[in-house]
Protein backbone atom coordinates (compact mmCIF):
# COMPACT_ATOMS: atom_id res chain seq x y z
CA MET A 1 43.74 7.15 -97.89
CA THR A 2 44.34 10.41 -96.47
CA PHE A 3 46.86 13.17 -97.43
CA VAL A 4 48.97 15.64 -95.75
CA VAL A 5 48.84 18.45 -97.87
CA ARG A 6 51.11 21.82 -97.09
CA GLN A 7 53.08 24.54 -97.29
CA ALA A 8 56.77 23.11 -98.92
CA ILE A 9 59.61 24.23 -96.96
CA ALA A 10 63.73 24.02 -98.06
CA GLU A 11 64.05 20.62 -96.84
CA ASP A 12 61.28 19.54 -99.53
CA GLY A 13 63.74 19.90 -101.79
CA LYS A 14 64.87 16.44 -102.09
CA TYR A 15 62.01 15.79 -103.83
CA ALA A 16 62.12 18.04 -106.76
CA GLN A 17 64.20 15.82 -109.16
CA MET A 18 61.09 13.24 -108.32
CA ILE A 19 58.33 16.15 -109.07
CA CYS A 20 60.50 17.16 -112.14
CA ASP A 21 60.33 13.88 -113.82
CA GLU A 22 56.54 12.84 -113.15
CA MET A 23 55.86 16.66 -114.70
CA GLU A 24 57.40 15.34 -118.09
CA ASN A 25 56.23 12.14 -118.11
CA SER A 26 52.53 12.87 -117.13
CA ALA A 27 52.96 15.62 -120.38
CA LYS A 28 53.96 12.98 -122.11
CA LEU A 29 51.39 10.10 -121.05
CA ARG A 30 49.04 12.71 -121.93
CA GLY A 31 50.39 14.15 -125.35
CA THR A 32 50.21 17.68 -124.03
CA GLY A 33 52.63 20.72 -123.38
CA ILE A 34 54.23 21.53 -120.40
CA ALA A 35 56.04 24.62 -119.53
CA LYS A 36 59.78 22.46 -118.01
CA ARG A 37 60.94 23.51 -114.86
CA THR A 38 64.40 22.42 -113.45
CA PRO A 39 65.05 20.75 -109.66
CA GLU A 40 67.02 23.95 -109.11
CA TYR A 41 64.01 26.00 -109.87
CA ILE A 42 61.20 23.66 -107.83
CA GLN A 43 63.58 23.92 -104.89
CA LYS A 44 63.68 27.66 -104.74
CA LYS A 45 59.76 27.74 -105.36
CA MET A 46 59.84 26.01 -102.07
CA GLN A 47 62.52 27.99 -100.38
CA GLU A 48 60.44 30.90 -101.29
CA GLY A 49 57.16 29.63 -99.28
CA LYS A 50 55.54 29.17 -102.82
CA ALA A 51 54.85 25.97 -103.08
CA VAL A 52 52.09 22.97 -101.90
CA ILE A 53 53.57 19.69 -101.41
CA ALA A 54 51.21 16.90 -101.01
CA PHE A 55 52.39 13.18 -98.60
CA SER A 56 50.62 9.90 -98.23
CA ASP A 57 49.89 8.71 -95.01
CA ASP A 58 52.64 6.61 -95.35
CA GLY A 59 54.78 9.07 -96.01
CA LEU A 60 55.79 9.08 -99.51
CA TRP A 61 55.49 12.62 -101.81
CA ALA A 62 52.23 12.44 -103.04
CA GLY A 63 51.68 15.47 -105.20
CA PHE A 64 52.90 19.54 -105.64
CA CYS A 65 52.18 22.81 -106.97
CA TYR A 66 53.60 26.22 -106.93
CA ILE A 67 53.10 29.81 -107.26
CA GLU A 68 54.30 32.43 -110.17
CA THR A 69 53.68 35.94 -110.10
CA TRP A 70 54.48 38.71 -112.10
CA THR A 71 54.22 42.85 -111.50
CA GLY A 72 52.04 41.74 -107.98
CA GLU A 73 48.93 41.88 -110.23
CA PHE A 74 49.03 38.27 -111.14
CA VAL A 75 49.61 35.09 -109.87
CA ALA A 76 49.59 31.83 -111.24
CA ASN A 77 49.20 28.26 -110.06
CA SER A 78 51.61 25.99 -111.82
CA GLY A 79 53.30 22.86 -112.24
CA LEU A 80 49.82 20.66 -110.45
CA ILE A 81 51.34 16.88 -110.55
CA VAL A 82 49.81 14.23 -108.82
CA ASN A 83 51.97 10.80 -108.05
CA PRO A 84 50.16 8.67 -110.47
CA ARG A 85 49.91 6.14 -107.44
CA TYR A 86 47.58 8.70 -105.62
CA ARG A 87 45.48 9.50 -108.44
CA LYS A 88 41.77 9.16 -108.25
CA PHE A 89 41.62 10.49 -104.62
CA GLY A 90 40.57 13.81 -105.14
CA LEU A 91 43.86 14.97 -104.10
CA ALA A 92 44.57 17.37 -107.50
CA ARG A 93 41.93 19.09 -105.58
CA ASP A 94 43.43 19.40 -102.12
CA ILE A 95 46.37 20.10 -103.68
CA LYS A 96 44.48 23.12 -105.90
CA HIS A 97 42.30 24.52 -102.68
CA ALA A 98 45.97 24.72 -100.63
CA ILE A 99 47.45 26.59 -103.11
CA PHE A 100 44.62 28.83 -104.36
CA SER A 101 44.48 29.60 -100.53
CA LEU A 102 48.27 30.45 -100.27
CA SER A 103 48.18 32.22 -103.16
CA ARG A 104 45.20 34.55 -101.73
CA LYS A 105 46.80 34.78 -98.36
CA LYS A 106 50.15 35.98 -100.05
CA TYR A 107 48.44 38.06 -103.01
CA PRO A 108 45.14 39.14 -101.66
CA GLU A 109 44.77 41.73 -104.54
CA ALA A 110 46.40 39.70 -107.64
CA LYS A 111 44.13 38.01 -110.04
CA ILE A 112 45.09 34.06 -110.40
CA PHE A 113 45.43 32.50 -113.57
CA GLY A 114 46.43 29.28 -114.95
CA LEU A 115 46.27 27.88 -118.56
CA THR A 116 45.34 23.68 -118.50
CA THR A 117 44.56 21.11 -121.59
CA GLY A 118 43.27 18.90 -118.66
CA LEU A 119 39.42 18.79 -118.00
CA ALA A 120 39.84 18.11 -114.12
CA VAL A 121 41.70 21.06 -113.20
CA MET A 122 39.30 22.97 -115.45
CA LYS A 123 36.64 21.42 -112.89
CA ILE A 124 38.64 22.44 -109.89
CA ASN A 125 39.23 25.94 -111.32
CA SER A 126 35.78 26.75 -111.70
CA GLU A 127 34.76 25.31 -108.05
CA LEU A 128 37.47 28.25 -107.10
CA GLY A 129 35.64 30.85 -108.87
CA TYR A 130 38.28 31.13 -111.97
CA TRP A 131 36.28 31.67 -114.90
CA PRO A 132 37.53 30.73 -119.28
CA VAL A 133 39.13 33.96 -120.55
CA THR A 134 40.97 34.84 -123.94
CA TYR A 135 44.81 35.31 -123.48
CA SER A 136 44.49 38.73 -123.84
CA GLU A 137 43.14 39.06 -120.21
CA LEU A 138 46.14 37.56 -119.03
CA THR A 139 49.60 38.84 -117.97
CA GLN A 140 51.51 40.03 -120.95
CA ASP A 141 54.74 39.82 -119.12
CA GLU A 142 57.53 38.08 -121.40
CA ASP A 143 58.93 36.09 -118.37
CA PHE A 144 55.66 34.62 -118.22
CA TRP A 145 55.51 33.74 -121.89
CA SER A 146 58.73 32.74 -122.29
CA GLY A 147 57.82 29.55 -119.90
CA CYS A 148 55.89 28.17 -122.71
CA LYS A 149 59.00 27.90 -124.69
CA SER A 150 59.60 24.15 -123.39
CA CYS A 151 56.19 23.10 -124.07
CA VAL A 152 55.56 21.31 -127.44
CA ASN A 153 52.69 23.44 -128.72
CA TYR A 154 54.87 26.73 -128.43
CA ASP A 155 55.19 26.99 -132.42
CA ILE A 156 51.07 27.08 -132.34
CA LEU A 157 51.13 29.31 -129.44
CA MET A 158 53.30 32.01 -131.54
CA SER A 159 51.81 31.30 -134.82
CA LYS A 160 48.83 32.66 -133.28
CA GLU A 161 50.59 35.71 -132.20
CA ARG A 162 49.64 34.48 -128.47
CA LYS A 163 46.42 34.79 -128.90
CA ASN A 164 45.41 31.68 -128.39
CA CYS A 165 46.76 27.87 -128.21
CA LEU A 166 45.79 24.40 -127.22
CA CYS A 167 45.34 25.75 -123.44
CA THR A 168 42.38 27.06 -122.22
CA ALA A 169 43.28 29.95 -120.27
CA MET A 170 41.32 30.30 -116.77
CA LEU A 171 40.98 33.67 -114.19
CA TYR A 172 40.00 34.59 -110.81
CA LYS A 173 39.67 37.92 -110.14
CA PRO A 174 39.38 38.97 -106.61
CA LYS A 175 36.25 41.12 -105.64
CA LYS A 176 37.93 44.33 -105.05
CA SER A 177 39.42 43.84 -108.62
CA GLN A 178 36.13 43.18 -110.44
CA ASN A 179 34.51 46.01 -108.44
CA ASN A 180 36.95 48.27 -109.50
CA GLU A 181 36.57 46.99 -113.60
CA GLU A 182 33.02 47.24 -113.61
CA GLU A 183 33.59 51.24 -112.12
CA SER A 184 36.29 51.96 -114.57
CA SER A 185 33.49 50.86 -117.24
CA LEU A 186 30.36 52.36 -115.73
CA SER A 187 32.34 56.02 -116.17
CA LEU A 188 33.27 55.27 -119.78
């Protein structure tokens, strides 16, 4: 099976409801939390050029992922979803690689992070150079954390004062960012 994975465009907005429905269904089946997004939100990401979409060789919607940004310093690749009929073909990996590449192109200096409960996503993130980190290394932007409110595990997150939850936090630091942090820690 072959797939086309590309940057989403405004015309792909017709798939937004399907994408949202599949995100929610997938989370329910796995018994995990997910920050719910509206079709309008997904469409906006497509219009802004901050999303990747995949289609099967027969032209059907196959997968999706989008970019979130905070203060220009942090970027998250969020909402990774693969249509159930196209799972087990390595498509999630292809989508993650494409959204990572798009993020690096659009925001070359930004730290890229993600929260996940999925082992497959953790493995792909590791391939891309992400490392597990504590929540304190993520953005502290209130808009990011308010996105967790629709997750079934939000009460756990808040009871832990946003220090940890059921998701694993993973972070990719661009080389320049890593070098700056090493230099500042050496000068102490």
